Amino acid sequence: MLEFKILGPLEVVGPDGPVTLGGQRPRALLALLLIHAGEVVSTDRIIEELWGDQPPATAKAGLHNLVAQLRKALATEVLIRRPPGYLLRIEPSQFDSGRFEQFVGEARGRVAGERAKLLREALALWRGAPLADFAYESFAQGEIRRLEELRLEALEERMDADLELGKGGELVGELERLVAENPLRERLRGQLMLSLYRTGRQAEALQAYLDARRMLVDELGIDPSPALQQLYRSVIRQEQVLQPPSVQHPIEDHLGDVVGAFLAGRLVVIVGAGVNDPGERTENGLPDPASVASHLARCFECPPHHSYDLAHVAEYVALTKGVGPLYDELHTLFDRESAPGPVHRSLAELAGLLRARGGSNQLIVTTNFDDVLEQAFREAGEDFDVVSYLALGPNRGKFLHVGFDGAATLVEVPNAYADISLERRPVILKIHGGIDRRPEREWESFVVSEDDHIDYLAQAEIAVVLPVTLAAKLRRSHFLFLGYPLHAWSLRVFLHRVWGRERIGYRSWAIGPKPEAIEQELWRQRGIDLFDLPVEEYVTGLRSRIAAELPA
């Protein structure tokens, strides 16, 4: 079987060794077809790519000769004529880039040791710059950029796995080289800082941050990300979270505890933007926080140094254009019919199982602005109450209760408010407000800008403003965080409002794919076990396990 290689100069290897492909033009034809392996590439496009905008009259005949040369060299039926052009039919296992992406995919969700091993196998397939002998050919540029980005991401993932395994000093040299080659990659900068610190080189770790900050300010006019800033502060304080983390336990070690807490009515699920899978979005899908920030920055011509996260962009818009235009644009972004995802539907199905079999109703917390979770409950035919924070207007700082019948009641005296009960129905707690899709938009509210977050954080303990039954539930429950990056303002503000700087009093868990090393440490600092797993698969498995253990 032939093996095709593009992770370096183009090469084909057969059972007897390397295959001679001829001159540059037949090699270019093969490279073009490899880039589009499994697709038909039209004759007109091939001629344009190989001969330019003004091909000679003999180009079609020349192409037929090139195809004949390649077929003779390859000696197998992989190059097929299929109108309006040609198709290269090969298996992913014959393609070094296909095997590379397969190894990287298999590494996701594995424990650190397995992840590092698979990523090393993937990176070992590289022999140099991808399609190195076509670096200046226009048809190869897109694929070269894609492959280089995938390689860099795999290197970063491998570094995270090595750091999770407790490595430090042995990574410094490689990280210094990678940072020099990719000076704007903040993830590499953070990994270098952590590896230097673990080697006892605190001053150099701090200098690595200052070098990163100077580069970002000089080149892009922006400050480092909140995650990198947090790492810098942790290095200054010599925090324990920077020491090598303990090895992650397998999923089986904790799933029984999660199910037990759920069935006992002592599990609060917290749903983040990560449950809205970008791979499933359509034109009408939900934007993630980064997309919202980019959209607002474009709409309101936000300067780069105010554009690096949603809170800063929203603050700039609110101060320069007013809260009204900010809310109008946010309303436009979230006022759309978006189908609930697998996580939303699984939670709604669990509510039905609990109701049918006499279990305790759920309290689900979200900082998302959309109403997709509510839509999933409606589609499942499940009644529910919504309790939502108000960040604007005369009732700012209070919560609004919207009953299953749509009636809205302001929670004026939380300690005496008895119109909401988990004994009756599930409750969706929207602690950062959300969209109001009714024409009057009377209760629309978004905790989104810097001032919103600061005001929210500065309020009294959340138990003082929440209905007493929900406040008690929050203080006496285990938590399951789904699809949350801990460095996001929204979650860290919420944790501070409920517990201050204390660790969570009940064992809790966080589920999310590909967390960065510093993010893992931040979760552990809060006393929360983090599992690097796809959220949808986890929730599907959890639902099946709970359904099996509930009485019929």
Protein backbone atom coordinates (compact mmCIF):
# COMPACT_ATOMS: atom_id res chain seq x y z
CA MET A 1 0.00 0.00 0.00
CA LEU A 2 1.22 3.50 -0.85
CA GLU A 3 1.91 6.03 1.90
CA PHE A 4 1.54 9.72 1.07
CA LYS A 5 3.44 12.30 3.12
CA ILE A 6 2.92 16.07 3.19
CA LEU A 7 4.08 16.86 6.77
CA GLY A 8 7.38 17.98 5.28
CA PRO A 9 8.40 17.84 1.60
CA LEU A 10 6.00 15.84 -0.58
CA GLU A 11 6.90 12.16 -0.58
CA VAL A 12 5.26 8.90 -1.62
CA VAL A 13 6.53 5.60 -0.24
CA GLY A 14 5.60 2.21 -1.66
CA PRO A 15 6.39 -1.38 -0.62
CA ASP A 16 9.83 -1.07 -2.20
CA GLY A 17 10.70 2.38 -0.86
CA PRO A 18 10.29 5.99 -2.11
CA VAL A 19 8.40 6.47 -5.37
CA THR A 20 9.96 8.69 -8.05
CA LEU A 21 7.37 11.27 -9.10
CA GLY A 22 9.25 13.19 -11.79
CA GLY A 23 9.61 16.96 -12.12
CA GLN A 24 7.97 19.83 -10.27
CA ARG A 25 4.73 19.93 -12.29
CA PRO A 26 3.64 16.29 -11.71
CA ARG A 27 4.58 16.73 -8.06
CA ALA A 28 2.45 19.90 -7.93
CA LEU A 29 -0.49 18.02 -9.48
CA LEU A 30 -0.20 15.30 -6.84
CA ALA A 31 0.09 17.89 -4.05
CA LEU A 32 -3.06 19.68 -5.27
CA LEU A 33 -5.01 16.41 -5.41
CA LEU A 34 -3.71 15.37 -1.96
CA ILE A 35 -4.90 18.63 -0.45
CA HIS A 36 -8.36 17.78 -1.81
CA ALA A 37 -8.12 14.01 -1.33
CA GLY A 38 -11.53 12.41 -1.74
CA GLU A 39 -12.87 15.42 -3.66
CA VAL A 40 -13.18 15.99 -7.40
CA VAL A 41 -10.88 18.80 -8.56
CA SER A 42 -12.04 20.25 -11.88
CA THR A 43 -9.79 20.25 -14.92
CA ASP A 44 -10.15 24.02 -15.26
CA ARG A 45 -8.96 24.58 -11.70
CA ILE A 46 -6.01 22.23 -12.09
CA ILE A 47 -4.90 24.02 -15.25
CA GLU A 48 -5.25 27.43 -13.59
CA GLU A 49 -3.26 26.34 -10.54
CA LEU A 50 -0.47 24.66 -12.55
CA TRP A 51 -0.19 27.01 -15.55
CA GLY A 52 -1.54 30.31 -14.20
CA ASP A 53 -4.20 32.74 -15.45
CA GLN A 54 -3.09 32.50 -19.08
CA PRO A 55 -2.38 28.83 -19.77
CA PRO A 56 -1.01 27.77 -23.16
CA ALA A 57 -3.28 26.15 -25.71
CA THR A 58 -1.53 22.84 -25.00
CA ALA A 59 -2.41 22.89 -21.26
CA LYS A 60 -5.15 20.23 -21.49
CA ALA A 61 -2.89 17.88 -23.39
CA GLY A 62 -0.13 18.62 -20.90
CA LEU A 63 -2.47 17.76 -18.03
CA HIS A 64 -3.35 14.42 -19.64
CA ASN A 65 0.39 13.65 -19.90
CA LEU A 66 0.91 14.56 -16.21
CA VAL A 67 -1.95 12.29 -15.16
CA ALA A 68 -0.47 9.45 -17.21
CA GLN A 69 2.97 9.99 -15.58
CA LEU A 70 1.47 9.94 -12.09
CA ARG A 71 -0.60 6.83 -12.76
CA LYS A 72 2.51 5.04 -13.99
CA ALA A 73 4.55 6.18 -10.96
CA LEU A 74 1.87 5.25 -8.43
CA ALA A 75 1.07 1.95 -10.15
CA THR A 76 -2.32 1.71 -8.45
CA GLU A 77 -5.85 2.85 -9.26
CA VAL A 78 -5.89 5.81 -6.86
CA LEU A 79 -6.01 8.62 -9.45
CA ILE A 80 -9.44 8.50 -11.03
CA ARG A 81 -11.01 10.48 -13.87
CA ARG A 82 -14.37 11.78 -12.67
CA PRO A 83 -16.07 14.66 -14.51
CA PRO A 84 -15.46 17.53 -14.39
CA GLY A 85 -11.94 16.61 -13.29
CA TYR A 86 -9.90 14.15 -11.26
CA LEU A 87 -10.19 12.46 -7.87
CA LEU A 88 -7.46 11.01 -5.65
CA ARG A 89 -9.01 8.14 -3.71
CA ILE A 90 -6.94 7.14 -0.67
CA GLU A 91 -7.68 6.00 2.88
CA PRO A 92 -6.87 8.31 5.83
CA SER A 93 -4.38 5.68 7.05
CA GLN A 94 -2.36 6.21 3.84
CA PHE A 95 -1.95 9.91 4.57
CA ASP A 96 0.46 11.21 7.25
CA SER A 97 -1.72 14.25 7.94
CA GLY A 98 -4.76 11.96 8.32
CA ARG A 99 -2.91 9.82 10.88
CA PHE A 100 -1.72 12.96 12.67
CA GLU A 101 -5.27 14.26 13.07
CA GLN A 102 -6.44 10.80 14.17
CA PHE A 103 -3.83 10.66 16.96
CA VAL A 104 -4.74 14.18 18.10
CA GLY A 105 -8.43 13.30 18.16
CA GLU A 106 -7.79 10.12 20.15
CA ALA A 107 -5.79 12.12 22.73
CA ARG A 108 -8.80 14.25 23.69
CA GLY A 109 -10.44 13.17 26.92
CA ARG A 110 -7.57 10.84 27.95
CA VAL A 111 -5.65 11.11 31.21
CA ALA A 112 -2.41 13.10 31.04
CA GLY A 113 -0.02 10.19 30.47
CA GLU A 114 -2.01 8.70 27.60
CA ARG A 115 -2.61 12.15 26.14
CA ALA A 116 1.11 12.97 26.12
CA LYS A 117 1.98 9.62 24.50
CA LEU A 118 -0.57 9.97 21.68
CA LEU A 119 0.41 13.57 20.99
CA ARG A 120 4.09 12.62 20.80
CA GLU A 121 3.21 9.92 18.27
CA ALA A 122 1.27 12.50 16.26
CA LEU A 123 4.09 15.05 16.32
CA ALA A 124 6.68 12.41 15.40
CA LEU A 125 5.06 12.20 11.93
CA TRP A 126 6.34 15.67 11.09
CA ARG A 127 9.52 15.90 8.98
CA GLY A 128 9.60 19.69 8.59
CA ALA A 129 7.36 22.46 7.28
CA PRO A 130 4.20 21.02 5.64
CA LEU A 131 4.33 20.84 1.83
CA ALA A 132 7.74 22.47 2.13
CA ASP A 133 8.48 22.25 -1.60
CA PHE A 134 5.25 24.17 -2.38
CA ALA A 135 5.66 26.97 0.16
CA TYR A 136 5.18 29.63 -2.54
CA GLU A 137 2.39 27.97 -4.52
CA SER A 138 -0.97 29.72 -4.06
CA PHE A 139 -2.96 26.46 -4.10
CA ALA A 140 -1.05 25.17 -1.04
CA GLN A 141 -1.21 28.23 1.21
CA GLY A 142 -4.51 27.46 2.94
CA GLU A 143 -3.57 23.86 3.73
CA ILE A 144 -0.09 24.88 4.91
CA ARG A 145 -1.60 27.39 7.35
CA ARG A 146 -4.16 24.85 8.57
CA LEU A 147 -1.58 22.15 9.20
CA GLU A 148 0.84 24.52 10.91
CA GLU A 149 -1.92 25.69 13.25
CA LEU A 150 -2.89 22.08 14.05
CA ARG A 151 0.73 21.24 14.82
CA LEU A 152 1.09 24.21 17.13
CA GLU A 153 -2.12 23.32 18.95
CA ALA A 154 -0.89 19.73 19.35
CA LEU A 155 2.39 21.01 20.79
CA GLU A 156 0.49 23.18 23.27
CA GLU A 157 -1.72 20.23 24.23
CA ARG A 158 1.35 18.06 24.76
CA MET A 159 2.94 20.74 26.94
CA ASP A 160 -0.22 20.92 29.05
CA ALA A 161 -0.17 17.13 29.46
CA ASP A 162 3.50 17.21 30.48
CA LEU A 163 2.85 20.00 33.00
CA GLU A 164 -0.08 18.03 34.38
CA LEU A 165 2.30 15.09 34.85
CA GLY A 166 4.51 17.31 37.02
CA LYS A 167 7.22 18.23 34.50
CA GLY A 168 8.83 21.65 34.53
CA GLY A 169 12.53 22.26 33.95
CA GLU A 170 12.90 19.75 31.12
CA LEU A 171 10.34 21.74 29.10
CA VAL A 172 12.01 25.15 29.41
CA GLY A 173 14.36 24.93 26.43
CA GLU A 174 11.68 23.70 24.04
CA LEU A 175 9.20 26.30 25.27
CA GLU A 176 11.72 29.12 24.89
CA ARG A 177 12.24 28.09 21.27
CA LEU A 178 8.51 27.86 20.60
CA VAL A 179 7.85 31.26 22.21
CA ALA A 180 10.60 32.83 20.08
CA GLU A 181 8.99 31.35 16.96
CA ASN A 182 5.41 32.25 18.02
CA PRO A 183 5.70 35.37 20.22
CA LEU A 184 1.95 36.15 20.23
CA ARG A 185 0.82 32.70 21.50
CA GLU A 186 -0.21 33.45 25.08
CA ARG A 187 -0.75 29.79 25.91
CA LEU A 188 2.92 29.05 25.21
CA ARG A 189 3.93 32.07 27.27
CA GLY A 190 1.94 30.79 30.22
CA GLN A 191 3.43 27.30 29.90
CA LEU A 192 6.93 28.80 29.85
CA MET A 193 6.17 30.85 32.99
CA LEU A 194 4.89 27.76 34.80
CA SER A 195 7.83 25.57 33.79
CA LEU A 196 10.32 28.28 34.86
CA TYR A 197 8.59 28.71 38.20
CA ARG A 198 8.62 24.97 38.90
CA THR A 199 12.38 24.98 38.27
CA GLY A 200 12.91 27.61 40.99
CA ARG A 201 13.37 30.44 38.47
CA GLN A 202 10.65 32.77 39.75
CA ALA A 203 12.37 35.98 38.54
CA GLU A 204 12.67 34.56 35.01
CA ALA A 205 9.01 33.47 35.10
CA LEU A 206 7.98 37.03 35.98
CA GLN A 207 10.26 38.41 33.25
CA ALA A 208 8.63 36.04 30.73
CA TYR A 209 5.27 37.66 31.56
CA LEU A 210 6.69 41.18 31.21
CA ASP A 211 8.19 40.21 27.83
CA ALA A 212 4.78 38.88 26.74
CA ARG A 213 3.00 42.03 27.88
CA ARG A 214 5.45 44.28 26.06
CA MET A 215 5.10 42.25 22.87
CA LEU A 216 1.28 42.30 22.97
CA VAL A 217 1.12 46.03 23.71
CA ASP A 218 3.70 46.91 21.05
CA GLU A 219 2.34 44.64 18.32
CA LEU A 220 -1.43 44.64 18.95
CA GLY A 221 -2.13 47.39 21.49
CA ILE A 222 -3.74 44.94 23.96
CA ASP A 223 -2.95 43.63 27.44
CA PRO A 224 -2.39 39.94 28.17
CA SER A 225 -5.45 37.76 28.69
CA PRO A 226 -7.05 37.49 32.15
CA ALA A 227 -5.69 33.92 32.46
CA LEU A 228 -2.10 35.05 31.85
CA GLN A 229 -2.52 37.97 34.25
CA GLN A 230 -3.83 35.58 36.91
CA LEU A 231 -0.81 33.31 36.40
CA TYR A 232 1.50 36.32 36.84
CA ARG A 233 -0.18 37.19 40.15
CA SER A 234 0.05 33.55 41.26
CA VAL A 235 3.80 33.51 40.55
CA ILE A 236 4.31 36.73 42.54
CA ARG A 237 2.45 35.22 45.51
CA GLN A 238 4.16 31.83 45.12
CA GLU A 239 0.76 30.16 45.32
CA GLN A 240 0.47 26.45 45.96
CA VAL A 241 -1.71 26.04 42.85
CA LEU A 242 1.43 26.33 40.70
CA GLN A 243 2.86 23.09 42.04
CA PRO A 244 2.33 19.93 39.97
CA PRO A 245 -1.29 18.80 40.23
CA SER A 246 -2.27 15.39 41.43
CA VAL A 247 -3.11 12.82 38.77
CA GLN A 248 -6.72 12.99 37.58
CA HIS A 249 -8.89 10.09 38.71
CA PRO A 250 -10.81 8.13 36.08
CA ILE A 251 -14.41 9.09 35.47
CA GLU A 252 -15.68 5.96 37.24
CA ASP A 253 -14.14 7.17 40.49
CA HIS A 254 -16.59 10.05 40.77
CA LEU A 255 -19.67 9.17 38.69
CA GLY A 256 -21.22 7.18 41.50
CA ASP A 257 -20.88 10.17 43.82
CA VAL A 258 -22.50 12.48 41.25
CA VAL A 259 -25.43 10.11 40.75
CA GLY A 260 -25.84 9.70 44.51
CA ALA A 261 -25.93 13.47 45.05
CA PHE A 262 -28.44 13.85 42.22
CA LEU A 263 -30.80 11.18 43.53
CA ALA A 264 -30.57 12.61 47.04
CA GLY A 265 -31.68 16.03 45.74
CA ARG A 266 -28.33 17.60 46.64
CA LEU A 267 -26.83 18.33 43.21
CA VAL A 268 -27.01 21.76 41.58
CA VAL A 269 -26.13 21.76 37.87
CA ILE A 270 -24.44 24.91 36.53
CA VAL A 271 -24.66 25.30 32.76
CA GLY A 272 -22.13 27.42 30.86
CA ALA A 273 -21.70 28.65 27.30
CA GLY A 274 -19.58 25.56 26.56
CA VAL A 275 -22.72 23.42 26.25
CA ASN A 276 -23.63 25.36 23.09
CA ASP A 277 -21.35 23.32 20.85
CA PRO A 278 -19.79 25.55 18.12
CA GLY A 279 -19.64 22.55 15.82
CA GLU A 280 -23.44 22.37 15.82
CA ARG A 281 -24.12 26.06 15.24
CA THR A 282 -25.83 27.31 12.14
CA GLU A 283 -26.44 30.84 10.96
CA ASN A 284 -29.15 31.10 13.59
CA GLY A 285 -27.06 29.46 16.32
CA LEU A 286 -26.00 31.00 19.60
CA PRO A 287 -22.84 33.13 19.70
CA ASP A 288 -20.27 32.37 22.39
CA PRO A 289 -18.85 35.20 24.59
CA ALA A 290 -15.85 35.70 22.31
CA SER A 291 -18.13 36.04 19.27
CA VAL A 292 -20.36 38.51 21.12
CA ALA A 293 -17.31 40.57 22.07
CA SER A 294 -16.04 40.57 18.46
CA HIS A 295 -19.47 41.54 17.14
CA LEU A 296 -19.86 44.45 19.57
CA ALA A 297 -16.31 45.63 18.89
CA ARG A 298 -17.04 45.75 15.15
CA CYS A 299 -20.47 47.38 15.51
CA PHE A 300 -19.29 50.12 17.83
CA GLU A 301 -15.71 50.51 16.49
CA CYS A 302 -14.19 49.60 19.83
CA PRO A 303 -10.42 50.35 20.08
CA PRO A 304 -8.17 47.25 20.28
CA HIS A 305 -7.07 47.91 23.88
CA HIS A 306 -10.74 47.71 24.96
CA SER A 307 -11.54 44.64 22.84
CA TYR A 308 -9.88 41.68 24.49
CA ASP A 309 -12.92 40.32 26.34
CA LEU A 310 -16.68 40.82 26.52
CA ALA A 311 -16.69 42.71 29.83
CA HIS A 312 -14.29 45.37 28.51
CA VAL A 313 -16.02 45.73 25.14
CA ALA A 314 -19.43 46.07 26.82
CA GLU A 315 -18.06 48.64 29.25
CA TYR A 316 -16.70 50.72 26.36
CA VAL A 317 -20.05 50.57 24.53
CA ALA A 318 -22.08 51.41 27.66
CA LEU A 319 -19.89 54.43 28.46
CA THR A 320 -19.53 55.83 24.94
CA LYS A 321 -22.84 54.90 23.28
CA GLY A 322 -25.15 54.19 26.21
CA VAL A 323 -26.75 51.12 27.75
CA GLY A 324 -29.71 51.30 25.34
CA PRO A 325 -27.70 50.61 22.17
CA LEU A 326 -25.71 47.93 24.03
CA TYR A 327 -28.91 46.12 25.08
CA ASP A 328 -30.42 46.52 21.60
CA GLU A 329 -27.43 44.81 20.00
CA LEU A 330 -27.36 42.02 22.61
CA HIS A 331 -31.09 41.50 22.10
CA THR A 332 -30.55 41.16 18.34
CA LEU A 333 -27.81 38.56 18.91
CA PHE A 334 -29.87 36.37 21.25
CA ASP A 335 -33.39 36.90 19.85
CA ARG A 336 -33.30 33.90 17.54
CA GLU A 337 -34.78 30.45 17.34
CA SER A 338 -31.91 28.14 18.26
CA ALA A 339 -32.49 24.43 18.71
CA PRO A 340 -31.60 23.11 22.17
CA GLY A 341 -28.44 21.02 22.22
CA PRO A 342 -27.93 17.53 23.66
CA VAL A 343 -27.06 18.87 27.12
CA HIS A 344 -30.21 21.04 27.32
CA ARG A 345 -32.39 18.15 26.20
CA SER A 346 -30.74 15.71 28.62
CA LEU A 347 -31.44 18.03 31.55
CA ALA A 348 -35.08 18.40 30.49
CA GLU A 349 -35.41 14.61 30.14
CA LEU A 350 -33.94 14.17 33.64
CA ALA A 351 -36.59 16.55 34.98
CA GLY A 352 -39.26 14.31 33.46
CA LEU A 353 -37.69 11.17 34.92
CA LEU A 354 -37.55 12.72 38.38
CA ARG A 355 -41.15 13.91 38.19
CA ALA A 356 -42.44 10.55 36.96
CA ARG A 357 -40.56 8.53 39.58
CA GLY A 358 -40.97 10.75 42.61
CA GLY A 359 -37.48 12.25 42.75
CA SER A 360 -36.46 15.74 43.86
CA ASN A 361 -36.76 18.58 41.34
CA GLN A 362 -33.61 20.18 39.96
CA LEU A 363 -32.13 23.62 40.55
CA ILE A 364 -30.20 24.53 37.40
CA VAL A 365 -28.01 27.64 37.44
CA THR A 366 -26.83 29.47 34.33
CA THR A 367 -25.05 32.72 33.52
CA ASN A 368 -26.02 32.43 29.84
CA PHE A 369 -28.26 35.13 28.36
CA ASP A 370 -30.16 32.83 25.96
CA ASP A 371 -33.42 30.93 26.63
CA VAL A 372 -32.46 27.63 24.99
CA LEU A 373 -32.61 25.70 28.26
CA GLU A 374 -36.15 26.94 28.85
CA GLN A 375 -37.04 25.95 25.29
CA ALA A 376 -35.77 22.40 25.91
CA PHE A 377 -38.05 22.11 28.96
CA ARG A 378 -41.04 23.39 26.96
CA GLU A 379 -40.38 20.92 24.13
CA ALA A 380 -40.23 18.11 26.70
CA GLY A 381 -43.58 19.22 28.17
CA GLU A 382 -42.04 19.97 31.58
CA ASP A 383 -43.25 22.88 33.75
CA PHE A 384 -40.57 25.02 35.39
CA ASP A 385 -40.01 28.35 37.14
CA VAL A 386 -37.37 30.94 36.22
CA VAL A 387 -35.66 33.22 38.72
CA SER A 388 -33.62 35.90 36.97
CA TYR A 389 -31.30 38.69 38.16
CA LEU A 390 -32.10 42.31 37.24
CA ALA A 391 -29.06 44.40 36.35
CA LEU A 392 -30.86 47.51 35.09
CA GLY A 393 -33.59 49.92 36.13
CA PRO A 394 -35.22 50.81 39.44
CA ASN A 395 -35.19 47.17 40.62
CA ARG A 396 -31.51 46.66 39.93
CA GLY A 397 -29.94 44.10 42.27
CA LYS A 398 -33.16 42.16 42.82
CA PHE A 399 -34.42 38.89 41.37
CA LEU A 400 -37.54 38.33 39.28
CA HIS A 401 -39.64 35.17 39.55
CA VAL A 402 -41.39 34.11 36.33
CA GLY A 403 -43.75 31.24 37.10
CA PHE A 404 -44.60 28.28 34.88
CA ASP A 405 -47.71 30.22 33.78
CA GLY A 406 -45.66 33.24 32.66
CA ALA A 407 -46.66 35.51 35.57
CA ALA A 408 -43.79 37.75 36.69
CA THR A 409 -43.28 38.69 40.36
CA LEU A 410 -40.51 40.85 41.79
CA VAL A 411 -38.83 39.25 44.80
CA GLU A 412 -39.07 42.22 47.19
CA VAL A 413 -38.50 40.40 50.50
CA PRO A 414 -36.35 37.31 49.75
CA ASN A 415 -36.44 35.86 53.27
CA ALA A 416 -40.24 35.82 53.22
CA TYR A 417 -40.79 34.85 49.59
CA ALA A 418 -42.67 31.55 49.56
CA ASP A 419 -44.10 31.44 46.02
CA ILE A 420 -41.29 29.29 44.65
CA SER A 421 -40.49 25.77 45.75
CA LEU A 422 -38.44 22.90 44.38
CA GLU A 423 -41.08 20.61 45.84
CA ARG A 424 -43.41 21.74 43.02
CA ARG A 425 -41.27 22.27 39.93
CA PRO A 426 -37.67 22.54 38.67
CA VAL A 427 -36.15 26.03 38.84
CA ILE A 428 -33.82 27.66 36.31
CA LEU A 429 -31.77 30.34 38.11
CA LYS A 430 -30.35 32.93 35.70
CA ILE A 431 -27.91 34.74 37.95
CA HIS A 432 -26.75 37.17 35.25
CA GLY A 433 -30.16 37.94 33.77
CA GLY A 434 -31.10 37.21 30.20
CA ILE A 435 -33.09 38.13 27.14
CA ASP A 436 -36.80 39.02 27.34
CA ARG A 437 -38.25 38.09 23.93
CA ARG A 438 -41.64 39.67 24.53
CA PRO A 439 -42.23 42.90 22.52
CA GLU A 440 -42.08 45.19 25.58
CA ARG A 441 -38.73 43.70 26.80
CA GLU A 442 -39.70 44.86 30.28
CA TRP A 443 -37.48 42.43 32.21
CA GLU A 444 -34.49 42.20 29.87
CA SER A 445 -31.24 42.28 31.82
CA PHE A 446 -27.57 41.51 31.12
CA VAL A 447 -24.72 41.37 33.63
CA VAL A 448 -22.16 42.01 30.91
CA SER A 449 -19.95 45.08 31.40
CA GLU A 450 -17.13 45.67 33.87
CA ASP A 451 -19.37 47.91 35.96
CA ASP A 452 -22.13 45.28 35.93
CA HIS A 453 -19.70 42.67 37.25
CA ILE A 454 -18.24 45.02 39.86
CA ASP A 455 -21.69 46.11 41.07
CA TYR A 456 -22.84 42.50 41.15
CA LEU A 457 -19.77 41.44 43.12
CA ALA A 458 -20.09 44.35 45.55
CA GLN A 459 -23.66 43.48 46.48
CA ALA A 460 -24.36 41.68 49.73
CA GLU A 461 -24.05 37.90 49.88
CA ILE A 462 -26.32 36.34 47.25
CA ALA A 463 -28.39 34.62 49.96
CA VAL A 464 -29.70 38.05 50.99
CA VAL A 465 -31.35 38.74 47.62
CA LEU A 466 -32.34 35.23 46.49
CA PRO A 467 -35.58 33.55 47.58
CA VAL A 468 -34.67 31.79 50.81
CA THR A 469 -35.33 28.26 49.52
CA LEU A 470 -32.90 28.70 46.62
CA ALA A 471 -30.24 30.33 48.79
CA ALA A 472 -30.38 27.38 51.19
CA LYS A 473 -30.12 24.96 48.28
CA LEU A 474 -26.97 26.66 46.97
CA ARG A 475 -25.26 26.58 50.35
CA ARG A 476 -26.01 22.91 51.01
CA SER A 477 -25.40 21.16 47.70
CA HIS A 478 -22.80 19.52 45.54
CA PHE A 479 -22.17 21.28 42.21
CA LEU A 480 -21.70 19.95 38.70
CA PHE A 481 -20.25 22.57 36.32
CA LEU A 482 -20.87 21.85 32.65
CA GLY A 483 -19.03 23.74 29.92
CA TYR A 484 -17.51 26.53 32.00
CA PRO A 485 -14.03 28.07 31.63
CA LEU A 486 -13.06 29.07 35.18
CA HIS A 487 -11.20 32.20 34.02
CA ALA A 488 -14.53 33.65 32.78
CA TRP A 489 -15.65 36.58 34.91
CA SER A 490 -19.21 35.30 35.19
CA LEU A 491 -18.38 32.11 37.03
CA ARG A 492 -15.71 33.51 39.32
CA VAL A 493 -18.02 36.33 40.37
CA PHE A 494 -20.78 33.83 41.11
CA LEU A 495 -18.45 31.63 43.20
CA HIS A 496 -17.33 34.68 45.17
CA ARG A 497 -20.91 35.77 45.83
CA VAL A 498 -21.91 32.37 47.18
CA TRP A 499 -18.78 31.35 49.10
CA GLY A 500 -16.43 34.36 49.24
CA ARG A 501 -12.89 33.01 49.13
CA GLU A 502 -13.82 29.74 50.84
CA ARG A 503 -13.62 26.38 49.12
CA ILE A 504 -16.95 24.78 48.21
CA GLY A 505 -18.20 22.89 51.25
CA TYR A 506 -19.52 19.85 49.35
CA ARG A 507 -17.50 17.78 46.89
CA SER A 508 -18.11 19.21 43.41
CA TRP A 509 -17.09 18.49 39.84
CA ALA A 510 -16.38 20.37 36.61
CA ILE A 511 -16.61 18.84 33.13
CA GLY A 512 -15.08 20.44 30.04
CA PRO A 513 -12.78 19.59 27.14
CA LYS A 514 -9.13 20.63 26.87
CA PRO A 515 -8.68 22.85 29.96
CA GLU A 516 -5.39 24.74 30.11
CA ALA A 517 -2.93 23.93 32.90
CA ILE A 518 -3.60 27.16 34.82
CA GLU A 519 -7.35 26.60 34.49
CA GLN A 520 -6.96 23.17 36.08
CA GLU A 521 -5.13 24.75 39.00
CA LEU A 522 -7.81 27.40 39.49
CA TRP A 523 -10.49 24.71 39.75
CA ARG A 524 -8.43 22.76 42.27
CA GLN A 525 -7.89 25.90 44.32
CA ARG A 526 -11.68 26.04 44.74
CA GLY A 527 -11.80 22.40 45.80
CA ILE A 528 -13.52 21.28 42.59
CA ASP A 529 -12.47 18.09 40.74
CA LEU A 530 -11.93 18.79 37.04
CA PHE A 531 -12.43 16.16 34.32
CA ASP A 532 -11.19 16.72 30.77
CA LEU A 533 -14.15 15.17 28.96
CA PRO A 534 -16.62 16.11 26.20
CA VAL A 535 -19.62 17.62 27.98
CA GLU A 536 -22.29 16.06 25.74
CA GLU A 537 -20.96 12.52 26.12
CA TYR A 538 -20.65 12.97 29.87
CA VAL A 539 -24.22 14.20 30.32
CA THR A 540 -25.60 11.46 28.09
CA GLY A 541 -23.82 8.85 30.20
CA LEU A 542 -24.96 10.49 33.42
CA ARG A 543 -28.59 10.52 32.26
CA SER A 544 -28.44 6.81 31.39
CA ARG A 545 -26.89 5.96 34.76
CA ILE A 546 -29.51 7.97 36.69
CA ALA A 547 -32.38 6.46 34.66
CA ALA A 548 -31.08 2.98 35.47
CA GLU A 549 -30.93 3.69 39.21
CA LEU A 550 -34.29 5.44 39.60
CA PRO A 551 -37.12 3.13 40.69
CA ALA A 552 -39.35 2.09 37.79
